[in-house]
C-alpha cells in the first residue's frame, strides 16, 4: 500500500469514527423512537464500514 493510499484509509477511518459517534449521540438524545432506532442502524452501518477500512491495513 502506498503512502497516499494509507493516508486515504486513515482519513476514511477518522470519518467513519466521527459519523459513528454522532449517530450514537443522536440515538440517545432523540425522543422519537423511530428516529432513535434509525440512528442506531446508522451506528451499526458506520461500525461495519469502519471495520472494512480497518481490515485494509
N, C-alpha and C. Protein backbone atom coordinates (compact mmCIF):
# COMPACT_ATOMS: atom_id res chain seq x y z
N UNK A 1 0.86 -1.18 0.00
CA UNK A 1 0.00 0.00 0.00
C UNK A 1 0.90 1.24 0.00
N UNK A 2 0.60 2.16 -0.89
CA UNK A 2 1.40 3.37 -0.98
C UNK A 2 1.06 4.29 0.19
N UNK A 3 1.92 5.28 0.40
CA UNK A 3 1.68 6.22 1.50
C UNK A 3 0.41 7.04 1.24
N UNK A 4 0.13 7.33 -0.02
CA UNK A 4 -1.08 8.08 -0.36
C UNK A 4 -2.33 7.25 -0.06
N UNK A 5 -2.28 5.97 -0.39
CA UNK A 5 -3.41 5.09 -0.09
C UNK A 5 -3.59 4.94 1.43
N UNK A 6 -2.50 4.85 2.14
CA UNK A 6 -2.56 4.75 3.60
C UNK A 6 -3.20 5.99 4.21
N UNK A 7 -2.85 7.15 3.70
CA UNK A 7 -3.45 8.40 4.18
C UNK A 7 -4.95 8.41 3.91
N UNK A 8 -5.36 7.90 2.75
CA UNK A 8 -6.78 7.84 2.42
C UNK A 8 -7.52 6.94 3.40
N UNK A 9 -6.96 5.78 3.67
CA UNK A 9 -7.61 4.83 4.59
C UNK A 9 -7.69 5.43 6.00
N UNK A 10 -6.62 6.07 6.44
CA UNK A 10 -6.63 6.70 7.76
C UNK A 10 -7.68 7.80 7.83
N UNK A 11 -7.80 8.57 6.77
CA UNK A 11 -8.81 9.63 6.71
C UNK A 11 -10.22 9.03 6.75
N UNK A 12 -10.42 7.97 5.99
CA UNK A 12 -11.73 7.31 5.96
C UNK A 12 -12.08 6.73 7.34
N UNK A 13 -11.09 6.18 8.03
CA UNK A 13 -11.31 5.66 9.38
C UNK A 13 -11.76 6.77 10.32
N UNK A 14 -11.12 7.91 10.21
CA UNK A 14 -11.49 9.05 11.04
C UNK A 14 -12.90 9.52 10.77
N UNK A 15 -13.29 9.56 9.50
CA UNK A 15 -14.64 9.98 9.14
C UNK A 15 -15.69 9.00 9.65
N UNK A 16 -15.42 7.72 9.48
CA UNK A 16 -16.38 6.71 9.95
C UNK A 16 -16.51 6.73 11.47
N UNK A 17 -15.41 6.92 12.16
CA UNK A 17 -15.45 7.00 13.63
C UNK A 17 -16.27 8.22 14.06
N UNK A 18 -16.07 9.35 13.40
CA UNK A 18 -16.81 10.56 13.71
C UNK A 18 -18.30 10.37 13.47
N UNK A 19 -18.65 9.77 12.32
CA UNK A 19 -20.06 9.55 12.00
C UNK A 19 -20.71 8.59 12.99
N UNK A 20 -19.97 7.57 13.39
CA UNK A 20 -20.50 6.61 14.37
C UNK A 20 -20.80 7.31 15.69
N UNK A 21 -19.86 8.14 16.15
CA UNK A 21 -20.05 8.86 17.42
C UNK A 21 -21.23 9.83 17.34
N UNK A 22 -21.36 10.52 16.21
CA UNK A 22 -22.50 11.44 16.03
C UNK A 22 -23.82 10.69 16.05
N UNK A 23 -23.87 9.55 15.37
CA UNK A 23 -25.09 8.76 15.33
C UNK A 23 -25.43 8.20 16.71
N UNK A 24 -24.41 7.79 17.47
CA UNK A 24 -24.65 7.29 18.83
C UNK A 24 -25.24 8.38 19.72
N UNK A 25 -24.67 9.57 19.63
CA UNK A 25 -25.17 10.68 20.45
C UNK A 25 -26.60 11.02 20.05
N UNK A 26 -26.86 11.09 18.76
CA UNK A 26 -28.20 11.41 18.29
C UNK A 26 -29.20 10.34 18.72
N UNK A 27 -28.78 9.09 18.67
CA UNK A 27 -29.65 8.00 19.06
C UNK A 27 -30.08 8.11 20.52
N UNK A 28 -29.17 8.51 21.38
CA UNK A 28 -29.51 8.64 22.80
C UNK A 28 -30.25 9.94 23.10
N UNK A 29 -30.02 10.98 22.30
CA UNK A 29 -30.65 12.27 22.55
C UNK A 29 -32.07 12.38 22.00
N UNK A 30 -32.36 11.62 20.94
CA UNK A 30 -33.68 11.73 20.30
C UNK A 30 -34.76 11.08 21.18
N UNK A 31 -35.91 11.71 21.21
CA UNK A 31 -37.02 11.16 21.97
C UNK A 31 -37.97 10.35 21.09
N UNK A 32 -37.97 10.61 19.80
CA UNK A 32 -38.80 9.84 18.86
C UNK A 32 -38.20 8.45 18.70
N UNK A 33 -38.93 7.40 19.06
CA UNK A 33 -38.37 6.04 19.00
C UNK A 33 -38.00 5.60 17.58
N UNK A 34 -38.75 6.06 16.59
CA UNK A 34 -38.44 5.68 15.21
C UNK A 34 -37.11 6.28 14.76
N UNK A 35 -36.93 7.57 15.04
CA UNK A 35 -35.67 8.22 14.66
C UNK A 35 -34.51 7.65 15.46
N UNK A 36 -34.74 7.39 16.73
CA UNK A 36 -33.68 6.82 17.57
C UNK A 36 -33.25 5.46 17.05
N UNK A 37 -34.22 4.66 16.64
CA UNK A 37 -33.93 3.34 16.08
C UNK A 37 -33.15 3.47 14.78
N UNK A 38 -33.54 4.41 13.94
CA UNK A 38 -32.83 4.63 12.68
C UNK A 38 -31.38 5.04 12.94
N UNK A 39 -31.18 5.90 13.91
CA UNK A 39 -29.81 6.32 14.23
C UNK A 39 -29.00 5.13 14.76
N UNK A 40 -29.66 4.23 15.48
CA UNK A 40 -28.98 3.01 15.92
C UNK A 40 -28.53 2.16 14.74
N UNK A 41 -29.37 2.10 13.70
CA UNK A 41 -28.99 1.38 12.49
C UNK A 41 -27.79 2.04 11.81
N UNK A 42 -27.76 3.38 11.83
CA UNK A 42 -26.62 4.09 11.26
C UNK A 42 -25.34 3.81 12.04
N UNK A 43 -25.45 3.69 13.36
CA UNK A 43 -24.29 3.34 14.18
C UNK A 43 -23.72 2.01 13.71
N UNK A 44 -24.60 1.02 13.51
CA UNK A 44 -24.14 -0.29 13.05
C UNK A 44 -23.50 -0.20 11.67
N UNK A 45 -24.11 0.56 10.77
CA UNK A 45 -23.58 0.70 9.41
C UNK A 45 -22.18 1.33 9.43
N UNK A 46 -22.01 2.40 10.20
CA UNK A 46 -20.72 3.07 10.25
C UNK A 46 -19.68 2.21 10.97
N UNK A 47 -20.11 1.39 11.91
CA UNK A 47 -19.19 0.45 12.56
C UNK A 47 -18.70 -0.58 11.55
N UNK A 48 -19.62 -1.08 10.72
CA UNK A 48 -19.24 -2.04 9.68
C UNK A 48 -18.26 -1.42 8.69
N UNK A 49 -18.55 -0.19 8.26
CA UNK A 49 -17.65 0.48 7.32
C UNK A 49 -16.29 0.73 7.94
N UNK A 50 -16.26 1.14 9.21
CA UNK A 50 -15.00 1.35 9.92
C UNK A 50 -14.18 0.07 9.91
N UNK A 51 -14.83 -1.05 10.23
CA UNK A 51 -14.12 -2.33 10.28
C UNK A 51 -13.61 -2.76 8.91
N UNK A 52 -14.38 -2.46 7.85
CA UNK A 52 -13.92 -2.80 6.50
C UNK A 52 -12.66 -2.00 6.14
N UNK A 53 -12.67 -0.71 6.47
CA UNK A 53 -11.47 0.09 6.20
C UNK A 53 -10.31 -0.38 7.04
N UNK A 54 -10.57 -0.74 8.29
CA UNK A 54 -9.51 -1.20 9.18
C UNK A 54 -8.89 -2.49 8.66
N UNK A 55 -9.69 -3.33 8.06
CA UNK A 55 -9.18 -4.61 7.52
C UNK A 55 -8.28 -4.40 6.31
N UNK A 56 -8.31 -3.22 5.71
CA UNK A 56 -7.41 -2.94 4.58
C UNK A 56 -5.97 -2.76 5.04
N UNK A 57 -5.80 -2.47 6.32
CA UNK A 57 -4.44 -2.22 6.82
C UNK A 57 -3.72 -3.48 7.14
